[in-house]
Protein backbone atom coordinates (compact mmCIF):
# COMPACT_ATOMS: atom_id res chain seq x y z
CA UNK A 1 152.17 136.00 79.91
CA UNK A 2 155.35 136.84 81.76
CA UNK A 3 157.41 139.75 83.03
CA UNK A 4 160.97 140.40 81.99
CA UNK A 5 163.56 140.40 84.74
CA UNK A 6 166.25 143.04 85.11
CA UNK A 7 168.77 143.62 87.90
CA UNK A 8 166.87 142.92 91.15
CA UNK A 9 163.15 142.39 90.67
CA UNK A 10 160.28 142.93 93.10
CA UNK A 11 157.20 141.00 91.96
CA UNK A 12 153.65 140.92 93.32
CA UNK A 13 150.69 138.94 91.96
CA UNK A 14 147.94 141.16 90.58
CA UNK A 15 145.33 139.23 92.62
CA UNK A 16 147.17 140.14 95.84
CA UNK A 17 147.36 143.79 94.77
CA UNK A 18 143.62 143.79 94.06
CA UNK A 19 143.01 142.39 97.55
CA UNK A 20 145.52 144.34 99.66
CA UNK A 21 146.72 147.50 97.90
CA UNK A 22 144.82 150.54 99.20
CA UNK A 23 142.55 151.34 96.25
CA UNK A 24 143.32 148.10 94.41
CA UNK A 25 144.91 147.50 91.03
CA UNK A 26 143.82 150.78 89.42
CA UNK A 27 145.22 152.83 92.31
CA UNK A 28 148.47 150.85 92.21
CA UNK A 29 148.90 151.68 88.52
CA UNK A 30 148.10 155.35 89.16
CA UNK A 31 150.60 155.47 92.02
CA UNK A 32 153.29 153.98 89.78
CA UNK A 33 152.40 155.84 86.56
CA UNK A 34 155.67 157.81 86.70
CA UNK A 35 157.65 154.55 86.47
CA UNK A 36 155.49 152.48 84.08
CA UNK A 37 157.59 151.37 81.15
CA UNK A 38 160.77 152.45 82.92
CA UNK A 39 161.30 150.30 86.02
CA UNK A 40 157.72 149.09 86.49
CA UNK A 41 155.82 146.82 84.13
CA UNK A 42 153.20 144.11 84.37
CA UNK A 43 151.32 141.41 82.56
CA UNK A 44 147.81 140.17 83.36
CA UNK A 45 149.05 138.31 86.46
CA UNK A 46 152.21 139.93 87.84
CA UNK A 47 153.37 143.44 88.73
CA UNK A 48 157.13 144.06 88.55
CA UNK A 49 159.17 146.87 90.09
CA UNK A 50 162.89 146.77 90.57
CA UNK A 51 166.13 148.20 91.77
CA UNK A 52 169.81 148.02 90.99
CA UNK A 53 171.05 147.35 94.52
CA UNK A 54 169.98 145.38 97.59
CA UNK A 55 169.32 148.47 99.75
CA UNK A 56 166.82 149.92 97.27
CA UNK A 57 165.01 146.59 96.92
CA UNK A 58 164.83 146.37 100.72
CA UNK A 59 163.19 149.81 100.76
CA UNK A 60 160.63 148.60 98.19
CA UNK A 61 159.79 145.55 100.30
CA UNK A 62 159.42 147.74 103.40
CA UNK A 63 157.16 150.21 101.56
CA UNK A 64 154.82 147.39 100.52
CA UNK A 65 154.84 145.95 104.04
CA UNK A 66 153.79 149.40 105.26
CA UNK A 67 150.86 149.21 102.80
CA UNK A 68 149.67 146.00 104.48
CA UNK A 69 151.39 143.31 102.44
CA UNK A 70 152.95 140.30 104.17
CA UNK A 71 156.37 139.75 102.69
CA UNK A 72 157.26 136.53 104.47
CA UNK A 73 155.73 133.34 105.81
CA UNK A 74 157.33 130.49 107.71
CA UNK A 75 156.75 127.09 106.09
CA UNK A 76 158.18 124.09 107.93
CA UNK A 77 160.75 126.28 109.66
CA UNK A 78 161.93 127.95 106.46
CA UNK A 79 161.30 131.58 105.47
CA UNK A 80 159.38 131.92 102.18
CA UNK A 81 158.08 134.86 100.18
CA UNK A 82 154.32 135.33 100.63
CA UNK A 83 152.64 138.38 99.01
CA UNK A 84 155.70 139.49 97.07
CA UNK A 85 158.92 137.97 95.79
CA UNK A 86 162.40 139.32 95.14
CA UNK A 87 164.16 137.72 92.18
CA UNK A 88 167.80 138.03 91.18
CA UNK A 89 167.83 136.17 87.88
CA UNK A 90 171.58 136.55 87.39
CA UNK A 91 172.09 134.74 90.70
CA UNK A 92 169.60 131.92 90.24
CA UNK A 93 166.08 133.22 90.81
CA UNK A 94 164.01 134.06 93.86
CA UNK A 95 166.09 135.04 96.90
CA UNK A 96 163.83 132.86 99.08
CA UNK A 97 161.46 130.07 98.13
CA UNK A 98 158.30 131.39 96.47
CA UNK A 99 155.52 128.91 95.69
CA UNK A 100 153.50 131.09 93.30
CA UNK A 101 156.13 132.08 90.75
CA UNK A 102 157.87 130.27 87.92
CA UNK A 103 161.31 131.54 87.00
CA UNK A 104 163.08 131.03 83.71
CA UNK A 105 166.86 131.56 83.72
CA UNK A 106 166.53 133.21 80.29
CA UNK A 107 165.31 136.27 82.20
CA UNK A 108 161.59 136.17 82.82
CA UNK A 109 159.07 135.08 85.43
CA UNK A 110 155.40 134.14 85.29
CA UNK A 111 152.60 133.12 87.60
CA UNK A 112 152.75 129.43 88.42
CA UNK A 113 150.07 127.51 86.53
CA UNK A 114 150.03 129.98 83.62
CA UNK A 115 151.84 129.77 80.31
CA UNK A 116 154.66 132.31 79.88
CA UNK A 117 153.66 133.42 76.36
CA UNK A 118 154.38 137.06 75.62
CA UNK A 119 156.96 138.70 77.89
CA UNK A 120 156.25 142.23 79.06
CA UNK A 121 159.17 144.48 79.93
CA UNK A 122 160.55 147.91 79.22
CA UNK A 123 158.47 147.85 76.06
CA UNK A 124 155.12 146.19 75.52
CA UNK A 125 156.61 144.46 72.49
CA UNK A 126 159.31 142.63 74.45
CA UNK A 127 159.99 139.35 72.69
CA UNK A 128 160.46 135.97 74.29
CA UNK A 129 164.13 135.52 75.04
């Protein structure tokens, strides 16, 4: 399974949401119900939100940090994404290294170690690009 990418994408693994989001996965979906199928979608492994400009994506990252997520980690002196990842597929993928995501330049991302399969996006019936 995979999530379609559009504009600037903010992606969080479901397992991290279950662990760190106040109220877990179900609460996260309830909190984002207004945007599901519009700017928010998910597969079995990844949650995707997004924005159309860098300032709005920065606000999303800051909101999740305020919820207790760790956005960044230093690995060998280089900043990496940790609990979330920002992807700009039109500009080559994740904006920083991210060791848990696979990115396809055709416009989708999936959890590393999983098969992409069906791509979820604005519609549940999004086809593989």
